[in-house]
Protein backbone atom coordinates (compact mmCIF):
# COMPACT_ATOMS: atom_id res chain seq x y z
CA MET A 1 86.82 -176.38 17.23
CA LEU A 2 86.45 -179.91 15.92
CA ALA A 3 84.42 -183.01 16.56
CA LEU A 4 85.70 -186.54 16.27
CA LEU A 5 83.40 -189.19 14.81
CA THR A 6 83.21 -192.26 17.00
CA LEU A 7 81.62 -194.47 14.37
CA ALA A 8 83.77 -195.92 11.62
CA LEU A 9 82.84 -194.17 8.39
CA ALA A 10 83.75 -195.16 4.86
CA ALA A 11 87.04 -193.48 3.99
CA PRO A 12 88.97 -193.43 0.73
CA ALA A 13 91.70 -195.97 0.06
CA TYR A 14 94.30 -194.62 -2.32
CA ASP A 15 95.95 -197.00 -4.75
CA ASP A 16 99.36 -195.94 -5.98
CA HIS A 17 99.94 -195.64 -9.73
CA GLY A 18 103.57 -194.63 -9.43
CA LEU A 19 105.42 -191.56 -10.65
CA VAL A 20 103.73 -189.51 -13.36
CA LEU A 21 106.03 -186.47 -13.54
CA VAL A 22 109.81 -186.50 -13.15
CA PRO A 23 112.34 -183.65 -13.41
CA PRO A 24 113.58 -182.80 -16.91
CA GLU A 25 117.20 -183.30 -17.93
CA THR A 26 117.77 -179.58 -18.53
CA GLY A 27 116.34 -176.26 -17.45
CA PRO A 28 115.46 -174.69 -14.10
CA PHE A 29 113.66 -177.76 -12.66
CA LEU A 30 116.28 -180.45 -13.13
CA GLY A 31 117.03 -180.47 -9.40
CA GLY A 32 113.70 -182.06 -8.48
CA ILE A 33 109.95 -181.46 -8.53
CA ASN A 34 108.16 -181.20 -5.20
CA ALA A 35 104.99 -179.96 -3.43
CA PRO A 36 102.36 -180.29 -6.20
CA SER A 37 99.20 -178.20 -6.18
CA VAL A 38 96.65 -179.09 -8.87
CA GLU A 39 93.64 -177.20 -10.23
CA TRP A 40 91.15 -177.84 -13.05
CA ASP A 41 90.95 -175.25 -15.85
CA GLY A 42 87.58 -175.86 -17.45
CA ALA A 43 88.14 -173.24 -20.16
CA ALA A 44 91.24 -175.03 -21.46
CA GLU A 45 89.94 -178.47 -20.36
CA GLN A 46 93.14 -179.40 -18.60
CA PHE A 47 94.64 -179.93 -15.18
CA VAL A 48 97.25 -177.37 -14.13
CA MET A 49 99.92 -178.19 -11.57
CA TYR A 50 102.25 -175.79 -9.78
CA PHE A 51 105.26 -177.22 -7.97
CA GLU A 52 108.41 -176.08 -6.17
CA SER A 53 111.95 -176.84 -7.30
CA ALA A 54 115.24 -176.28 -5.50
CA ALA A 55 118.15 -174.70 -7.38
CA SER A 56 121.65 -176.17 -7.40
CA THR A 57 124.35 -174.69 -5.18
CA LEU A 58 125.86 -172.83 -8.13
CA GLU A 59 122.61 -170.92 -8.66
CA VAL A 60 122.18 -169.84 -5.04
CA PRO A 61 122.97 -166.12 -4.55
CA GLU A 62 125.59 -165.27 -1.93
CA ASP A 63 123.08 -163.75 0.49
CA CYS A 64 120.66 -166.71 0.27
CA TYR A 65 120.93 -169.99 2.12
CA SER A 66 119.05 -171.73 -0.68
CA TYR A 67 116.99 -170.79 -3.72
CA TYR A 68 113.54 -172.18 -4.55
CA ARG A 69 111.37 -171.41 -7.57
CA ILE A 70 107.89 -172.52 -8.70
CA GLY A 71 107.16 -174.31 -11.97
CA ARG A 72 104.04 -175.23 -13.89
CA ALA A 73 102.82 -178.32 -15.76
CA THR A 74 99.59 -179.22 -17.59
CA SER A 75 97.72 -182.44 -18.28
CA PRO A 76 94.55 -183.43 -20.17
CA ASP A 77 93.94 -186.47 -17.94
CA GLY A 78 95.78 -186.07 -14.64
CA GLN A 79 98.43 -188.64 -15.50
CA SER A 80 100.29 -187.46 -18.60
CA TRP A 81 101.97 -184.17 -17.67
CA THR A 82 103.94 -181.64 -19.71
CA ILE A 83 106.17 -179.14 -17.92
CA ASP A 84 105.82 -175.59 -19.22
CA GLU A 85 109.48 -174.91 -20.02
CA SER A 86 108.81 -171.23 -20.69
CA PHE A 87 107.41 -170.58 -17.21
CA SER A 88 109.33 -170.13 -13.97
CA PHE A 89 108.05 -168.17 -10.99
CA GLU A 90 111.32 -166.85 -9.60
CA PRO A 91 112.16 -165.28 -6.23
CA ASP A 92 112.33 -161.49 -6.31
CA HIS A 93 116.03 -161.36 -5.58
CA ALA A 94 116.58 -158.08 -7.43
CA SER A 95 114.48 -156.18 -4.88
CA ASP A 96 116.32 -155.20 -1.71
CA ALA A 97 113.01 -155.06 0.14
CA GLY A 98 111.56 -158.18 -1.46
CA SER A 99 109.62 -160.54 0.78
CA TYR A 100 110.65 -163.59 -1.23
CA ARG A 101 114.17 -162.73 -2.36
CA CYS A 102 115.50 -166.27 -1.95
CA ALA A 103 112.56 -168.66 -1.98
CA ALA A 104 109.10 -169.12 -3.42
CA THR A 105 107.90 -172.50 -2.16
CA GLN A 106 104.85 -174.62 -1.28
CA PRO A 107 102.45 -173.33 -3.96
CA ALA A 108 98.68 -173.54 -3.49
CA VAL A 109 96.62 -172.71 -6.58
CA LEU A 110 92.99 -171.62 -6.95
CA PHE A 111 91.16 -170.65 -10.16
CA ASP A 112 87.68 -169.10 -10.07
CA GLY A 113 87.16 -169.15 -13.84
CA ALA A 114 88.46 -165.61 -14.32
CA THR A 115 91.35 -165.04 -11.89
CA TRP A 116 94.13 -167.36 -10.84
CA HIS A 117 95.27 -167.16 -7.21
CA LEU A 118 98.62 -168.51 -6.05
CA PHE A 119 99.52 -168.73 -2.37
CA PHE A 120 103.13 -169.56 -1.56
CA THR A 121 105.65 -169.46 1.28
CA GLY A 122 108.38 -166.86 0.91
CA GLY A 123 111.94 -166.72 2.18
CA THR A 124 114.29 -163.75 2.34
CA THR A 125 118.05 -163.50 2.78
CA ASP A 126 120.18 -165.61 5.09
CA GLU A 127 121.54 -162.80 7.31
CA GLY A 128 124.01 -165.23 8.88
CA ARG A 129 121.37 -167.36 10.60
CA GLY A 130 122.05 -170.50 8.61
CA ARG A 131 118.70 -170.39 6.81
CA ASN A 132 116.56 -168.20 4.61
CA GLU A 133 114.54 -165.90 6.84
CA PRO A 134 110.83 -166.83 6.48
CA SER A 135 108.49 -164.08 5.34
CA GLY A 136 105.09 -165.74 5.69
CA ILE A 137 102.45 -166.81 3.18
CA LEU A 138 102.18 -164.56 0.15
CA HIS A 139 99.38 -164.09 -2.40
CA ALA A 140 99.71 -163.57 -6.15
CA THR A 141 97.02 -163.14 -8.81
CA SER A 142 97.00 -163.65 -12.57
CA ALA A 143 94.61 -163.50 -15.49
CA ASP A 144 96.28 -166.39 -17.34
CA GLY A 145 98.22 -168.36 -14.72
CA LEU A 146 101.51 -167.21 -16.26
CA ASP A 147 102.04 -163.53 -15.47
CA TRP A 148 101.66 -162.93 -11.74
CA SER A 149 101.25 -159.86 -9.53
CA VAL A 150 102.30 -160.41 -5.90
CA ALA A 151 100.57 -158.46 -3.13
CA ALA A 152 102.91 -156.37 -1.03
CA ALA A 153 101.59 -157.56 2.34
CA PRO A 154 101.61 -161.26 3.26
CA VAL A 155 98.36 -163.11 3.88
CA VAL A 156 99.95 -164.54 7.03
CA PRO A 157 103.08 -162.94 8.51
CA PRO A 158 105.99 -165.12 9.66
CA GLU A 159 105.68 -166.76 13.06
CA ALA A 160 108.28 -168.35 15.32
CA ASN A 161 106.88 -171.88 15.09
CA GLY A 162 106.76 -171.86 11.30
CA ILE A 163 103.94 -171.10 8.87
CA GLY A 164 103.24 -172.61 5.48
CA LEU A 165 101.58 -175.44 3.55
CA ALA A 166 98.56 -173.36 2.62
CA SER A 167 95.51 -174.54 0.70
CA ALA A 168 92.66 -172.40 -0.65
CA THR A 169 89.07 -172.65 -1.79
CA LEU A 170 86.55 -170.02 -2.94
CA VAL A 171 82.95 -170.17 -1.68
CA ASN A 172 80.34 -167.56 -2.60
CA GLY A 173 82.92 -164.84 -3.20
CA THR A 174 85.11 -165.48 -0.15
CA ILE A 175 88.54 -167.13 -0.23
CA TYR A 176 89.29 -169.51 2.63
CA VAL A 177 92.94 -170.37 3.25
CA VAL A 178 93.85 -173.10 5.74
CA TYR A 179 97.52 -173.28 6.65
CA SER A 180 99.89 -175.03 9.03
CA GLN A 181 101.15 -173.18 12.07
CA TYR A 182 102.99 -175.76 14.10
CA PRO A 183 101.47 -177.83 15.59
CA HIS A 184 97.95 -176.78 14.50
CA LEU A 185 95.92 -175.79 11.43
CA MET A 186 94.76 -172.17 11.16
CA LEU A 187 92.35 -170.20 8.93
CA ALA A 188 92.55 -166.93 7.00
CA THR A 189 89.71 -165.43 4.94
CA ALA A 190 89.25 -162.52 2.54
CA PRO A 191 86.77 -161.40 -0.13
CA ALA A 192 87.99 -162.52 -3.55
CA SER A 193 88.05 -158.90 -4.70
CA SER A 194 90.20 -157.76 -1.75
CA ASP A 195 93.59 -158.50 -0.24
CA THR A 196 92.48 -157.62 3.29
CA TRP A 197 92.74 -160.80 5.31
CA THR A 198 91.13 -161.85 8.56
CA LEU A 199 93.12 -164.39 10.57
CA ALA A 200 91.40 -166.65 13.09
CA THR A 201 93.00 -166.45 16.52
CA ASP A 202 92.27 -170.07 17.47
CA PRO A 203 93.22 -173.25 15.58
CA VAL A 204 90.58 -174.78 13.37
CA ILE A 205 92.30 -178.12 13.96
CA ASP A 206 94.06 -178.54 17.30
CA ASN A 207 96.45 -181.47 17.07
CA ALA A 208 96.06 -182.28 20.78
CA ALA A 209 92.34 -182.98 20.27
CA LEU A 210 93.07 -185.55 17.59
CA GLY A 211 94.83 -188.06 19.79
CA ASP A 212 98.14 -189.86 19.46
CA TRP A 213 98.05 -190.19 15.67
CA ALA A 214 98.67 -186.41 15.45
CA GLY A 215 100.60 -186.12 18.70
CA THR A 216 103.50 -184.31 17.03
CA TRP A 217 101.46 -182.07 14.77
CA ALA A 218 98.57 -181.73 12.33
CA PHE A 219 99.79 -180.42 8.98
CA GLY A 220 99.34 -180.23 5.24
CA PRO A 221 95.70 -179.14 4.90
CA SER A 222 93.91 -179.38 1.58
CA ILE A 223 90.57 -177.62 1.57
CA GLY A 224 87.75 -177.79 -0.95
CA CYS A 225 84.05 -177.09 -1.21
CA THR A 226 80.74 -178.62 -2.24
CA GLU A 227 77.89 -177.08 -4.21
CA GLU A 228 75.82 -177.17 -1.03
CA GLY A 229 78.23 -174.67 0.53
CA ALA A 230 80.03 -177.12 2.82
CA PHE A 231 83.78 -177.55 3.13
CA THR A 232 85.93 -180.64 2.89
CA MET A 233 89.54 -181.11 3.87
CA THR A 234 92.23 -183.76 3.88
CA PHE A 235 95.24 -183.25 6.14
CA GLY A 236 98.07 -185.19 7.70
CA GLY A 237 99.19 -186.01 11.20
CA ASP A 238 102.44 -187.36 12.60
CA SER A 239 102.41 -189.33 15.83
CA THR A 240 105.06 -188.90 18.50
CA SER A 241 106.70 -192.02 17.08
CA ALA A 242 106.82 -190.45 13.59
CA VAL A 243 104.02 -192.56 12.07
CA ARG A 244 102.23 -190.66 9.33
CA THR A 245 98.42 -190.68 8.98
CA ILE A 246 96.05 -188.94 6.59
CA ALA A 247 92.54 -187.95 7.68
CA ALA A 248 89.47 -186.30 6.14
CA ALA A 249 87.20 -183.66 7.66
CA THR A 250 84.02 -181.74 6.84
CA SER A 251 82.72 -178.36 7.96
CA ALA A 252 79.80 -176.00 7.41
CA ASP A 253 81.90 -172.85 7.90
CA ALA A 254 85.60 -173.85 7.56
CA ALA A 255 86.07 -173.05 11.26
CA ALA A 256 84.43 -175.95 13.12
CA TRP A 257 85.43 -179.32 11.65
CA THR A 258 84.19 -182.87 12.03
CA VAL A 259 87.15 -185.20 11.59
CA GLU A 260 86.46 -188.61 10.14
CA PRO A 261 88.57 -191.66 10.94
CA PRO A 262 91.94 -191.69 9.17
CA VAL A 263 91.75 -192.73 5.53
CA THR A 264 93.00 -196.06 4.29
CA ILE A 265 96.16 -195.64 2.29
CA GLY A 266 95.75 -198.82 0.23
CA SER A 267 98.85 -199.44 -1.85
CA LEU A 268 100.12 -195.89 -1.31
CA ASP A 269 102.83 -195.78 1.34
CA SER A 270 102.16 -192.73 3.50
CA ALA A 271 105.57 -193.10 5.16
CA VAL A 272 107.42 -192.04 2.00
CA ILE A 273 105.19 -189.36 0.51
CA ASN A 274 106.02 -185.75 1.27
CA HIS A 275 103.73 -183.03 -0.04
CA TRP A 276 100.39 -184.00 -1.60
CA ASP A 277 97.30 -182.50 -3.17
CA VAL A 278 93.87 -184.05 -3.77
CA LEU A 279 90.94 -183.26 -6.03
CA ALA A 280 87.64 -185.03 -5.49
CA ILE A 281 86.41 -186.67 -8.68
CA GLY A 282 82.73 -186.83 -9.53
CA GLY A 283 80.85 -187.81 -6.42
CA GLU A 284 82.55 -191.06 -5.55
CA GLY A 285 86.28 -190.82 -6.07
CA SER A 286 89.39 -188.72 -5.63
CA ALA A 287 92.87 -188.33 -7.06
CA LEU A 288 95.93 -187.66 -4.93
CA TRP A 289 99.09 -186.24 -6.42
CA TYR A 290 102.08 -186.56 -4.12
CA SER A 291 105.81 -185.97 -4.10
CA ARG A 292 108.43 -188.44 -2.95
CA THR A 293 112.07 -189.20 -3.61
CA ASP A 294 112.55 -191.26 -6.76
CA GLU A 295 114.86 -194.08 -5.73
CA THR A 296 116.26 -194.29 -9.25
CA THR A 297 117.55 -190.73 -9.37
CA GLY A 298 117.49 -189.50 -5.78
CA LEU A 299 115.36 -186.55 -6.93
CA LYS A 300 111.89 -185.48 -5.82
CA ALA A 301 109.20 -186.40 -8.36
CA ILE A 302 105.39 -186.48 -8.55
CA GLY A 303 103.22 -189.58 -8.28
CA LEU A 304 99.49 -190.31 -8.47
CA GLY A 305 97.04 -192.25 -6.32
CA THR A 306 93.31 -192.72 -7.01
CA SER A 307 90.40 -193.79 -4.86
CA GLY A 308 86.84 -194.97 -5.47
CA ASP A 309 84.98 -194.43 -8.73
CA PRO A 310 86.45 -191.30 -10.28
CA SER A 311 83.88 -190.94 -13.06
CA GLY A 312 81.80 -187.77 -13.16
CA HIS A 313 81.92 -184.05 -13.75
CA ARG A 314 85.25 -182.26 -13.53
CA ARG A 315 85.33 -179.17 -11.40
CA GLY A 316 87.87 -177.30 -9.38
CA ARG A 317 88.19 -175.54 -6.05
CA SER A 318 85.45 -172.89 -6.43
CA CYS A 319 81.79 -173.00 -5.46
CA PRO A 320 79.49 -172.27 -7.23
CA ASP A 321 81.14 -174.34 -9.93
CA PRO A 322 82.39 -172.08 -12.76
CA TRP A 323 82.40 -175.08 -15.12
CA PRO A 324 78.80 -176.17 -15.84
CA GLU A 325 78.25 -179.89 -16.17
CA ARG A 326 77.90 -181.16 -19.72
CA PRO A 327 75.70 -184.05 -20.84
CA ASP A 328 78.74 -186.06 -21.94
CA ASP A 329 80.71 -185.51 -18.74
CA THR A 330 82.08 -188.99 -18.09
CA GLY A 331 85.36 -189.60 -16.31
CA ASP A 332 85.62 -186.01 -15.14
CA THR A 333 87.06 -184.60 -11.99
CA GLY A 334 85.16 -182.79 -9.30
CA GLY A 335 85.35 -180.61 -6.28
CA ALA A 336 87.14 -180.73 -2.99
CA SER A 337 90.87 -180.44 -2.80
CA ASP A 338 93.61 -181.22 -0.34
CA THR A 339 97.09 -179.93 -0.02
CA GLY A 340 99.69 -181.40 2.21
CA ASP A 341 103.30 -181.39 3.06
CA SER A 342 106.23 -182.81 4.97
CA GLY A 343 108.46 -185.82 4.60
CA SER A 344 108.37 -188.92 6.73
CA GLY A 345 109.07 -188.03 10.32
CA ASP A 346 108.90 -184.26 9.72
CA THR A 347 107.84 -182.41 12.83
CA ALA A 348 107.40 -178.84 11.70
CA VAL A 349 106.23 -176.68 8.85
CA GLY A 350 108.99 -177.42 6.38
CA ASP A 351 111.36 -180.17 5.41
CA SER A 352 113.91 -179.87 8.18
CA GLY A 353 112.23 -182.27 10.63
CA GLU A 354 112.62 -179.83 13.52
CA PRO A 355 109.75 -177.92 15.15
CA GLY A 356 109.90 -174.22 14.47
CA ASP A 357 111.98 -174.32 11.31
CA GLU A 358 110.80 -172.21 8.41
CA PRO A 359 108.77 -173.94 5.71
CA ASP A 360 110.79 -174.93 2.67
CA THR A 361 112.86 -171.79 2.67
CA GLY A 362 115.51 -174.37 2.23
CA ASP A 363 119.04 -175.52 2.85
CA LYS A 364 121.97 -174.27 0.85
CA LYS A 365 123.19 -177.50 -0.63
CA ALA A 366 123.90 -179.14 -3.92
CA GLY A 367 121.07 -180.29 -6.12
CA GLU A 368 119.58 -183.66 -5.38
CA GLY A 369 121.66 -185.33 -8.07
CA GLY A 370 120.84 -187.38 -11.15
CA CYS A 371 118.95 -186.34 -14.27
CA GLY A 372 115.50 -187.56 -13.29
CA CYS A 373 115.06 -188.54 -16.90
CA GLN A 374 113.32 -191.88 -16.63
CA THR A 375 109.84 -192.22 -18.08
CA ALA A 376 106.80 -192.64 -15.85
CA PRO A 377 106.57 -196.31 -14.84
CA GLY A 378 103.70 -198.68 -15.26
CA ALA A 379 102.39 -198.75 -18.83
CA GLY A 380 99.67 -201.08 -17.65
CA LEU A 381 98.34 -198.31 -15.40
CA ALA A 382 97.33 -196.15 -18.31
CA SER A 383 93.99 -197.80 -18.94
CA LEU A 384 93.02 -197.66 -15.26
CA VAL A 385 93.97 -194.04 -14.75
CA LEU A 386 92.65 -192.87 -18.07
CA VAL A 387 89.29 -194.38 -17.26
CA ALA A 388 89.40 -192.14 -14.21
CA PHE A 389 90.41 -189.00 -16.04
CA ALA A 390 89.94 -189.30 -19.81
CA ARG A 391 87.72 -186.82 -21.53
CA ARG A 392 87.47 -186.31 -25.27
CA ARG A 393 88.72 -182.92 -26.38
CA ARG A 394 85.90 -180.92 -27.91
């Protein structure tokens, strides 16, 4: 279901600007910030990020192996982020029949201008198996991005090889969700007004067709769209020798993909980044938010990489664009988006590094330690990144 380009095409080279969001010293997210998913809210003229955060051992309920929640942060420029301390998307532990009693992880956000959509991987109780039992990919909706209603049935039910790392885009009234099902990428679709999902039976990206660079698996899709109705995607691959590569792909229908040569990482070290998310900027650039372990604190934190000329109109993950271009749109973000996952050498959907493990339903262990209270490094980066993202508030 994919074609490989034999000619070398121009591919983005991401330059690393360092960490831009670190865990706070207090509150529910002090244990680390991981797995960013970023969307543009044109009504509020700000970027909105959702992320996962692991709780400390003391917070983990007795019947859970670990406990993961989802947080939210906002930014006017993509670099300077403020965590919403009043928001925390918590597991539904009070419900005996809850499908995410112990873990809500790997968020993927989509905003169509009226409704927010949040896809996330759920985990239920331990049941003596030494892990949270995975419950598939779940779907929540919200009018404001703060108060969420979770659908009873999962978009994708749990599967033995592990399911997660979803990414979504909306094209002409249909939501397209690409997700990792070890070792391939799969597709689910549904009308935006419905929660009845159609799951493709064959991979949209078969890792075996990619060659050695994805010999272990293809993972971490991040799907977006263009105004012409095409689809774009960035995803990762791990070789059998645990070398990480990032590649880009295009499609007319989100089912058959043309994979371009792997992108150039530039100064961004793909071996140390875990989960990532990309928004295309204007017509010539892109921004990549990633998570990695902060060597100073030992906690997961969020960094930023940019590529190309990121000037142009800001838009999000929906086509047609709900945010009309303005005459003074300079330094704005645009369309296609990419979501990814997995630490260096990971070989399955999740952070365990073992094929078939559940995605980020987590280990019951102490928090990652440290306060994560350092400021974002690199004051000299501000002018470069702000050129890419700055827009006067109107």
